[in-house]
Amino acid sequence: MNISGQDLILACSAIGAGLAVIAGVGPGIGQGIAAGHAAAAVGRNPGAQGKIMSTMLLGQAVAETTGLYGLLIAMLLLFVRPLG
């Protein structure tokens, strides 16, 4: 089997898109850990709930950008045609 030209580029784009989507795994795990620790912290000190929750949500928003960038790269690789 001889793959060359545009078929090779499309195949490599699909592989690259699959690898880019893996970037969504890290933020998901990190956000789950952060939410678990925040829930434990609120359980220990209910008076600090507002401060704990705002800090947790800010951290999760920053962490989520990595997953969104991976999704953006995957969509660009799949739907933008480099050769025409």
PDB file of N, CA and C in Angstrom:
ATOM      1  N   MET A   1       0.856  -1.168   0.000  1.00  0.00           N
ATOM      2  CA  MET A   1       0.000   0.000   0.000  1.00  0.00           C
ATOM      3  C   MET A   1       0.902   1.229   0.000  1.00  0.00           C
ATOM      4  N   ASN A   2       0.618   2.132  -0.889  1.00  0.00           N
ATOM      5  CA  ASN A   2       1.424   3.341  -1.022  1.00  0.00           C
ATOM      6  C   ASN A   2       0.552   4.558  -0.733  1.00  0.00           C
ATOM      7  N   ILE A   3       0.807   5.197   0.403  1.00  0.00           N
ATOM      8  CA  ILE A   3       0.056   6.396   0.775  1.00  0.00           C
ATOM      9  C   ILE A   3       0.969   7.590   0.598  1.00  0.00           C
ATOM     10  N   SER A   4       0.499   8.552  -0.166  1.00  0.00           N
ATOM     11  CA  SER A   4       1.317   9.747  -0.372  1.00  0.00           C
ATOM     12  C   SER A   4       0.409  10.941  -0.628  1.00  0.00           C
ATOM     13  N   GLY A   5       0.996  12.105  -0.588  1.00  0.00           N
ATOM     14  CA  GLY A   5       0.269  13.322  -0.917  1.00  0.00           C
ATOM     15  C   GLY A   5      -0.777  13.692   0.101  1.00  0.00           C
ATOM     16  N   GLN A   6      -1.940  14.032  -0.403  1.00  0.00           N
ATOM     17  CA  GLN A   6      -3.007  14.534   0.458  1.00  0.00           C
ATOM     18  C   GLN A   6      -3.523  13.455   1.408  1.00  0.00           C
ATOM     19  N   ASP A   7      -3.528  12.193   0.986  1.00  0.00           N
ATOM     20  CA  ASP A   7      -3.990  11.120   1.874  1.00  0.00           C
ATOM     21  C   ASP A   7      -3.084  10.999   3.100  1.00  0.00           C
ATOM     22  N   LEU A   8      -1.798  11.154   2.905  1.00  0.00           N
ATOM     23  CA  LEU A   8      -0.856  11.094   4.026  1.00  0.00           C
ATOM     24  C   LEU A   8      -1.081  12.257   4.985  1.00  0.00           C
ATOM     25  N   ILE A   9      -1.315  13.423   4.450  1.00  0.00           N
ATOM     26  CA  ILE A   9      -1.558  14.595   5.294  1.00  0.00           C
ATOM     27  C   ILE A   9      -2.857  14.432   6.075  1.00  0.00           C
ATOM     28  N   LEU A  10      -3.896  13.927   5.458  1.00  0.00           N
ATOM     29  CA  LEU A  10      -5.163  13.710   6.164  1.00  0.00           C
ATOM     30  C   LEU A  10      -5.012  12.657   7.257  1.00  0.00           C
ATOM     31  N   ALA A  11      -4.253  11.589   6.984  1.00  0.00           N
ATOM     32  CA  ALA A  11      -4.040  10.558   7.996  1.00  0.00           C
ATOM     33  C   ALA A  11      -3.260  11.117   9.183  1.00  0.00           C
ATOM     34  N   CYS A  12      -2.222  11.880   8.902  1.00  0.00           N
ATOM     35  CA  CYS A  12      -1.431  12.475   9.988  1.00  0.00           C
ATOM     36  C   CYS A  12      -2.253  13.502  10.763  1.00  0.00           C
ATOM     37  N   SER A  13      -3.147  14.222  10.092  1.00  0.00           N
ATOM     38  CA  SER A  13      -4.016  15.175  10.782  1.00  0.00           C
ATOM     39  C   SER A  13      -4.966  14.454  11.730  1.00  0.00           C
ATOM     40  N   ALA A  14      -5.493  13.309  11.309  1.00  0.00           N
ATOM     41  CA  ALA A  14      -6.389  12.541  12.174  1.00  0.00           C
ATOM     42  C   ALA A  14      -5.646  12.001  13.393  1.00  0.00           C
ATOM     43  N   ILE A  15      -4.429  11.524  13.189  1.00  0.00           N
ATOM     44  CA  ILE A  15      -3.636  11.032  14.320  1.00  0.00           C
ATOM     45  C   ILE A  15      -3.307  12.175  15.268  1.00  0.00           C
ATOM     46  N   GLY A  16      -2.915  13.319  14.722  1.00  0.00           N
ATOM     47  CA  GLY A  16      -2.605  14.480  15.551  1.00  0.00           C
ATOM     48  C   GLY A  16      -3.812  14.966  16.329  1.00  0.00           C
ATOM     49  N   ALA A  17      -4.992  14.920  15.709  1.00  0.00           N
ATOM     50  CA  ALA A  17      -6.211  15.337  16.401  1.00  0.00           C
ATOM     51  C   ALA A  17      -6.513  14.402  17.561  1.00  0.00           C
ATOM     52  N   GLY A  18      -6.309  13.113  17.367  1.00  0.00           N
ATOM     53  CA  GLY A  18      -6.517  12.162  18.452  1.00  0.00           C
ATOM     54  C   GLY A  18      -5.564  12.399  19.608  1.00  0.00           C
ATOM     55  N   LEU A  19      -4.324  12.710  19.294  1.00  0.00           N
ATOM     56  CA  LEU A  19      -3.353  13.002  20.350  1.00  0.00           C
ATOM     57  C   LEU A  19      -3.683  14.310  21.062  1.00  0.00           C
ATOM     58  N   ALA A  20      -4.192  15.292  20.319  1.00  0.00           N
ATOM     59  CA  ALA A  20      -4.522  16.582  20.931  1.00  0.00           C
ATOM     60  C   ALA A  20      -5.695  16.457  21.896  1.00  0.00           C
ATOM     61  N   VAL A  21      -6.621  15.559  21.617  1.00  0.00           N
ATOM     62  CA  VAL A  21      -7.787  15.392  22.489  1.00  0.00           C
ATOM     63  C   VAL A  21      -7.376  14.760  23.821  1.00  0.00           C
ATOM     64  N   ILE A  22      -6.259  14.047  23.827  1.00  0.00           N
ATOM     65  CA  ILE A  22      -5.777  13.467  25.077  1.00  0.00           C
ATOM     66  C   ILE A  22      -5.465  14.564  26.094  1.00  0.00           C
ATOM     67  N   ALA A  23      -5.246  15.779  25.626  1.00  0.00           N
ATOM     68  CA  ALA A  23      -4.975  16.900  26.533  1.00  0.00           C
ATOM     69  C   ALA A  23      -6.156  17.176  27.452  1.00  0.00           C
ATOM     70  N   GLY A  24      -7.326  16.656  27.158  1.00  0.00           N
ATOM     71  CA  GLY A  24      -8.488  16.864  28.011  1.00  0.00           C
ATOM     72  C   GLY A  24      -8.514  15.959  29.228  1.00  0.00           C
ATOM     73  N   VAL A  25      -7.677  14.948  29.271  1.00  0.00           N
ATOM     74  CA  VAL A  25      -7.677  14.014  30.398  1.00  0.00           C
ATOM     75  C   VAL A  25      -7.097  14.666  31.648  1.00  0.00           C
ATOM     76  N   GLY A  26      -6.000  15.372  31.502  1.00  0.00           N
ATOM     77  CA  GLY A  26      -5.332  16.000  32.643  1.00  0.00           C
ATOM     78  C   GLY A  26      -6.207  16.988  33.393  1.00  0.00           C
ATOM     79  N   PRO A  27      -6.825  17.945  32.689  1.00  0.00           N
ATOM     80  CA  PRO A  27      -7.692  18.872  33.401  1.00  0.00           C
ATOM     81  C   PRO A  27      -8.876  18.201  34.096  1.00  0.00           C
ATOM     82  N   GLY A  28      -9.407  17.159  33.494  1.00  0.00           N
ATOM     83  CA  GLY A  28     -10.520  16.451  34.127  1.00  0.00           C
ATOM     84  C   GLY A  28     -10.117  15.821  35.448  1.00  0.00           C
ATOM     85  N   ILE A  29      -8.957  15.187  35.459  1.00  0.00           N
ATOM     86  CA  ILE A  29      -8.464  14.579  36.693  1.00  0.00           C
ATOM     87  C   ILE A  29      -8.147  15.661  37.720  1.00  0.00           C
ATOM     88  N   GLY A  30      -7.484  16.716  37.277  1.00  0.00           N
ATOM     89  CA  GLY A  30      -7.113  17.798  38.191  1.00  0.00           C
ATOM     90  C   GLY A  30      -8.314  18.496  38.793  1.00  0.00           C
ATOM     91  N   GLN A  31      -9.342  18.713  38.001  1.00  0.00           N
ATOM     92  CA  GLN A  31     -10.536  19.372  38.513  1.00  0.00           C
ATOM     93  C   GLN A  31     -11.273  18.486  39.509  1.00  0.00           C
ATOM     94  N   GLY A  32     -11.284  17.190  39.262  1.00  0.00           N
ATOM     95  CA  GLY A  32     -11.912  16.275  40.218  1.00  0.00           C
ATOM     96  C   GLY A  32     -11.180  16.264  41.543  1.00  0.00           C
ATOM     97  N   ILE A  33      -9.853  16.258  41.484  1.00  0.00           N
ATOM     98  CA  ILE A  33      -9.067  16.285  42.720  1.00  0.00           C
ATOM     99  C   ILE A  33      -9.302  17.600  43.463  1.00  0.00           C
ATOM    100  N   ALA A  34      -9.307  18.712  42.724  1.00  0.00           N
ATOM    101  CA  ALA A  34      -9.522  20.020  43.352  1.00  0.00           C
ATOM    102  C   ALA A  34     -10.897  20.100  44.013  1.00  0.00           C
ATOM    103  N   ALA A  35     -11.917  19.592  43.348  1.00  0.00           N
ATOM    104  CA  ALA A  35     -13.262  19.628  43.924  1.00  0.00           C
ATOM    105  C   ALA A  35     -13.337  18.758  45.178  1.00  0.00           C
ATOM    106  N   GLY A  36     -12.672  17.607  45.153  1.00  0.00           N
ATOM    107  CA  GLY A  36     -12.667  16.744  46.329  1.00  0.00           C
ATOM    108  C   GLY A  36     -11.975  17.391  47.518  1.00  0.00           C
ATOM    109  N   HIS A  37     -10.841  18.028  47.266  1.00  0.00           N
ATOM    110  CA  HIS A  37     -10.130  18.710  48.350  1.00  0.00           C
ATOM    111  C   HIS A  37     -10.918  19.918  48.853  1.00  0.00           C
ATOM    112  N   ALA A  38     -11.583  20.625  47.957  1.00  0.00           N
ATOM    113  CA  ALA A  38     -12.389  21.769  48.380  1.00  0.00           C
ATOM    114  C   ALA A  38     -13.568  21.313  49.242  1.00  0.00           C
ATOM    115  N   ALA A  39     -14.197  20.208  48.863  1.00  0.00           N
ATOM    116  CA  ALA A  39     -15.303  19.687  49.669  1.00  0.00           C
ATOM    117  C   ALA A  39     -14.815  19.274  51.056  1.00  0.00           C
ATOM    118  N   ALA A  40     -13.631  18.674  51.117  1.00  0.00           N
ATOM    119  CA  ALA A  40     -13.075  18.295  52.419  1.00  0.00           C
ATOM    120  C   ALA A  40     -12.741  19.532  53.244  1.00  0.00           C
ATOM    121  N   ALA A  41     -12.229  20.577  52.590  1.00  0.00           N
ATOM    122  CA  ALA A  41     -11.885  21.809  53.312  1.00  0.00           C
ATOM    123  C   ALA A  41     -13.138  22.493  53.851  1.00  0.00           C
ATOM    124  N   VAL A  42     -14.205  22.497  53.070  1.00  0.00           N
ATOM    125  CA  VAL A  42     -15.462  23.097  53.543  1.00  0.00           C
ATOM    126  C   VAL A  42     -16.024  22.273  54.694  1.00  0.00           C
ATOM    127  N   GLY A  43     -15.838  20.963  54.637  1.00  0.00           N
ATOM    128  CA  GLY A  43     -16.293  20.111  55.741  1.00  0.00           C
ATOM    129  C   GLY A  43     -15.539  20.414  57.034  1.00  0.00           C
ATOM    130  N   ARG A  44     -14.254  20.746  56.918  1.00  0.00           N
ATOM    131  CA  ARG A  44     -13.470  21.064  58.115  1.00  0.00           C
ATOM    132  C   ARG A  44     -13.749  22.473  58.626  1.00  0.00           C
ATOM    133  N   ASN A  45     -14.018  23.422  57.696  1.00  0.00           N
ATOM    134  CA  ASN A  45     -14.213  24.820  58.095  1.00  0.00           C
ATOM    135  C   ASN A  45     -15.360  25.421  57.277  1.00  0.00           C
ATOM    136  N   PRO A  46     -16.603  25.202  57.669  1.00  0.00           N
ATOM    137  CA  PRO A  46     -17.743  25.697  56.889  1.00  0.00           C
ATOM    138  C   PRO A  46     -17.795  27.220  56.775  1.00  0.00           C
ATOM    139  N   GLY A  47     -17.175  27.922  57.691  1.00  0.00           N
ATOM    140  CA  GLY A  47     -17.205  29.387  57.642  1.00  0.00           C
ATOM    141  C   GLY A  47     -16.409  29.967  56.486  1.00  0.00           C
ATOM    142  N   ALA A  48     -15.472  29.192  55.971  1.00  0.00           N
ATOM    143  CA  ALA A  48     -14.626  29.682  54.873  1.00  0.00           C
ATOM    144  C   ALA A  48     -15.110  29.192  53.514  1.00  0.00           C
ATOM    145  N   GLN A  49     -16.368  28.789  53.432  1.00  0.00           N
ATOM    146  CA  GLN A  49     -16.874  28.208  52.189  1.00  0.00           C
ATOM    147  C   GLN A  49     -16.749  29.148  50.996  1.00  0.00           C
ATOM    148  N   GLY A  50     -17.098  30.409  51.158  1.00  0.00           N
ATOM    149  CA  GLY A  50     -17.051  31.348  50.031  1.00  0.00           C
ATOM    150  C   GLY A  50     -15.652  31.519  49.481  1.00  0.00           C
ATOM    151  N   LYS A  51     -14.673  31.679  50.355  1.00  0.00           N
ATOM    152  CA  LYS A  51     -13.289  31.858  49.920  1.00  0.00           C
ATOM    153  C   LYS A  51     -12.744  30.583  49.268  1.00  0.00           C
ATOM    154  N   ILE A  52     -13.065  29.439  49.847  1.00  0.00           N
ATOM    155  CA  ILE A  52     -12.595  28.160  49.298  1.00  0.00           C
ATOM    156  C   ILE A  52     -13.197  27.927  47.918  1.00  0.00           C
ATOM    157  N   MET A  53     -14.490  28.158  47.787  1.00  0.00           N
ATOM    158  CA  MET A  53     -15.166  27.893  46.509  1.00  0.00           C
ATOM    159  C   MET A  53     -14.679  28.843  45.410  1.00  0.00           C
ATOM    160  N   SER A  54     -14.483  30.113  45.733  1.00  0.00           N
ATOM    161  CA  SER A  54     -14.023  31.050  44.706  1.00  0.00           C
ATOM    162  C   SER A  54     -12.611  30.712  44.248  1.00  0.00           C
ATOM    163  N   THR A  55     -11.752  30.325  45.183  1.00  0.00           N
ATOM    164  CA  THR A  55     -10.392  29.931  44.810  1.00  0.00           C
ATOM    165  C   THR A  55     -10.410  28.659  43.974  1.00  0.00           C
ATOM    166  N   MET A  56     -11.252  27.695  44.347  1.00  0.00           N
ATOM    167  CA  MET A  56     -11.339  26.452  43.589  1.00  0.00           C
ATOM    168  C   MET A  56     -11.837  26.702  42.171  1.00  0.00           C
ATOM    169  N   LEU A  57     -12.869  27.525  42.035  1.00  0.00           N
ATOM    170  CA  LEU A  57     -13.421  27.793  40.707  1.00  0.00           C
ATOM    171  C   LEU A  57     -12.434  28.539  39.823  1.00  0.00           C
ATOM    172  N   LEU A  58     -11.670  29.452  40.390  1.00  0.00           N
ATOM    173  CA  LEU A  58     -10.645  30.143  39.611  1.00  0.00           C
ATOM    174  C   LEU A  58      -9.573  29.164  39.143  1.00  0.00           C
ATOM    175  N   GLY A  59      -9.147  28.278  40.022  1.00  0.00           N
ATOM    176  CA  GLY A  59      -8.157  27.274  39.643  1.00  0.00           C
ATOM    177  C   GLY A  59      -8.676  26.321  38.585  1.00  0.00           C
ATOM    178  N   GLN A  60      -9.934  25.946  38.686  1.00  0.00           N
ATOM    179  CA  GLN A  60     -10.508  25.047  37.674  1.00  0.00           C
ATOM    180  C   GLN A  60     -10.648  25.742  36.329  1.00  0.00           C
ATOM    181  N   ALA A  61     -10.969  27.013  36.326  1.00  0.00           N
ATOM    182  CA  ALA A  61     -11.075  27.745  35.062  1.00  0.00           C
ATOM    183  C   ALA A  61      -9.721  27.827  34.368  1.00  0.00           C
ATOM    184  N   VAL A  62      -8.678  28.047  35.134  1.00  0.00           N
ATOM    185  CA  VAL A  62      -7.331  28.099  34.558  1.00  0.00           C
ATOM    186  C   VAL A  62      -6.928  26.724  34.037  1.00  0.00           C
ATOM    187  N   ALA A  63      -7.241  25.672  34.775  1.00  0.00           N
ATOM    188  CA  ALA A  63      -6.880  24.321  34.356  1.00  0.00           C
ATOM    189  C   ALA A  63      -7.647  23.901  33.104  1.00  0.00           C
ATOM    190  N   GLU A  64      -8.856  24.360  32.958  1.00  0.00           N
ATOM    191  CA  GLU A  64      -9.691  23.960  31.822  1.00  0.00           C
ATOM    192  C   GLU A  64      -9.158  24.505  30.501  1.00  0.00           C
ATOM    193  N   THR A  65      -8.404  25.587  30.542  1.00  0.00           N
ATOM    194  CA  THR A  65      -7.897  26.157  29.290  1.00  0.00           C
ATOM    195  C   THR A  65      -7.016  25.168  28.546  1.00  0.00           C
ATOM    196  N   THR A  66      -6.300  24.310  29.251  1.00  0.00           N
ATOM    197  CA  THR A  66      -5.464  23.313  28.585  1.00  0.00           C
ATOM    198  C   THR A  66      -6.317  22.365  27.746  1.00  0.00           C
ATOM    199  N   GLY A  67      -7.409  21.894  28.315  1.00  0.00           N
ATOM    200  CA  GLY A  67      -8.306  21.015  27.571  1.00  0.00           C
ATOM    201  C   GLY A  67      -8.948  21.706  26.390  1.00  0.00           C
ATOM    202  N   LEU A  68      -9.307  22.968  26.568  1.00  0.00           N
ATOM    203  CA  LEU A  68      -9.917  23.709  25.460  1.00  0.00           C
ATOM    204  C   LEU A  68      -8.927  23.958  24.332  1.00  0.00           C
ATOM    205  N   TYR A  69      -7.671  24.223  24.676  1.00  0.00           N
ATOM    206  CA  TYR A  69      -6.657  24.397  23.626  1.00  0.00           C
ATOM    207  C   TYR A  69      -6.455  23.097  22.861  1.00  0.00           C
ATOM    208  N   GLY A  70      -6.452  21.973  23.566  1.00  0.00           N
ATOM    209  CA  GLY A  70      -6.336  20.682  22.892  1.00  0.00           C
ATOM    210  C   GLY A  70      -7.503  20.429  21.956  1.00  0.00           C
ATOM    211  N   LEU A  71      -8.709  20.770  22.387  1.00  0.00           N
ATOM    212  CA  LEU A  71      -9.889  20.617  21.536  1.00  0.00           C
ATOM    213  C   LEU A  71      -9.810  21.528  20.318  1.00  0.00           C
ATOM    214  N   LEU A  72      -9.354  22.753  20.511  1.00  0.00           N
ATOM    215  CA  LEU A  72      -9.206  23.687  19.393  1.00  0.00           C
ATOM    216  C   LEU A  72      -8.213  23.159  18.370  1.00  0.00           C
ATOM    217  N   ILE A  73      -7.090  22.659  18.817  1.00  0.00           N
ATOM    218  CA  ILE A  73      -6.092  22.113  17.901  1.00  0.00           C
ATOM    219  C   ILE A  73      -6.654  20.905  17.152  1.00  0.00           C
ATOM    220  N   ALA A  74      -7.385  20.044  17.855  1.00  0.00           N
ATOM    221  CA  ALA A  74      -7.978  18.873  17.207  1.00  0.00           C
ATOM    222  C   ALA A  74      -8.976  19.294  16.130  1.00  0.00           C
ATOM    223  N   MET A  75      -9.802  20.290  16.418  1.00  0.00           N
ATOM    224  CA  MET A  75     -10.779  20.745  15.425  1.00  0.00           C
ATOM    225  C   MET A  75     -10.080  21.377  14.227  1.00  0.00           C
ATOM    226  N   LEU A  76      -9.031  22.129  14.476  1.00  0.00           N
ATOM    227  CA  LEU A  76      -8.284  22.715  13.366  1.00  0.00           C
ATOM    228  C   LEU A  76      -7.659  21.632  12.496  1.00  0.00           C
ATOM    229  N   LEU A  77      -7.098  20.616  13.119  1.00  0.00           N
ATOM    230  CA  LEU A  77      -6.476  19.541  12.347  1.00  0.00           C
ATOM    231  C   LEU A  77      -7.501  18.760  11.533  1.00  0.00           C
ATOM    232  N   LEU A  78      -8.704  18.612  12.050  1.00  0.00           N
ATOM    233  CA  LEU A  78      -9.710  17.816  11.347  1.00  0.00           C
ATOM    234  C   LEU A  78     -10.448  18.587  10.256  1.00  0.00           C
ATOM    235  N   PHE A  79     -10.734  19.856  10.514  1.00  0.00           N
ATOM    236  CA  PHE A  79     -11.642  20.557   9.620  1.00  0.00           C
ATOM    237  C   PHE A  79     -11.004  21.626   8.739  1.00  0.00           C
ATOM    238  N   VAL A  80      -9.768  21.992   8.974  1.00  0.00           N
ATOM    239  CA  VAL A  80      -9.096  22.955   8.119  1.00  0.00           C
ATOM    240  C   VAL A  80      -8.264  22.165   7.106  1.00  0.00           C
ATOM    241  N   ARG A  81      -8.536  22.352   5.871  1.00  0.00           N
ATOM    242  CA  ARG A  81      -7.848  21.607   4.803  1.00  0.00           C
ATOM    243  C   ARG A  81      -6.603  22.361   4.366  1.00  0.00           C
ATOM    244  N   PRO A  82      -5.404  21.829   4.643  1.00  0.00           N
ATOM    245  CA  PRO A  82      -4.194  22.557   4.311  1.00  0.00           C
ATOM    246  C   PRO A  82      -3.874  22.612   2.828  1.00  0.00           C
ATOM    247  N   LEU A  83      -4.400  21.677   2.044  1.00  0.00           N
ATOM    248  CA  LEU A  83      -4.046  21.622   0.620  1.00  0.00           C
ATOM    249  C   LEU A  83      -5.149  22.097  -0.304  1.00  0.00           C
ATOM    250  N   GLY A  84      -6.188  22.614   0.250  1.00  0.00           N
ATOM    251  CA  GLY A  84      -7.147  23.098  -0.713  1.00  0.00           C
ATOM    252  C   GLY A  84      -8.534  22.799  -0.372  1.00  0.00           C
TER     253      GLY A  84
END
